[in-house]
Amino acid sequence: FYCRVLNTLNAAKIPFLVGGACMLEHITGIVRPTKDFDLHVRPQEIAGVFATLDGAGYQTEMTFSHWLGKVFQRNHYIDIIFSSGNGLCRVDDEWFEHALDGEIFGVSVRFCAPEEAIWSKAFILERERYDGADIAHLILAAAQQMDWCRLLLRFGEHWRVLLSHLVIFGFIYPGRVGQVP
């Protein structure tokens, strides 16, 4: 299912980025079980994504009109993400300009860059979901290659959220705190 959807989007030349657990594995090497597969697209492309996937016989759903849709096949689904739940982290051209080339399931894809992954995950601060561990692992794995100024610009007036994750990183990996400028 995942391979067919990726190949369908590639054949239609619809730009997308792989995120979530698969992106985390690509950048950090950490493998973890996941219930779904995450793709990121620009908001203006969501209608084309759904039209293409509907035309290929998949069931699609606009789950939350401000940030998330889904494509289903039986018990499997893919999240089609075009913003964040709080609306602060919209997928824009910058996501694609800095994406990482790679491969998953034998299909050529592009992965979300660590900066965008950290930015979007940093605001997941809910009782039932907190992505702080993912952020710490991304910093550990990618700090030397990251564009820290660009990351800080992404947070803008919400820079204190980034600061909180950097302080926690220092407690999780005290011997690596020098990786953060």
Foldseek 3Di string as FASTA:
>chain_A
DVVVLLVLCVVVVAAKAWEDQVLLCVQQVDHDDDQATEIEHALVCPVVSVVSVVVVPWDKAQPDNLFWIWTDDVSYIYIYTQAAPVRLQGDDVVQVVPWDWDDDPNHTHTHGDLLSNCLRQLPQDDPVDHCLVSNLSNCVRCLQPDDVVVSCVSCVVVSVSVVVSLVVSCVVCVVCNVSHD
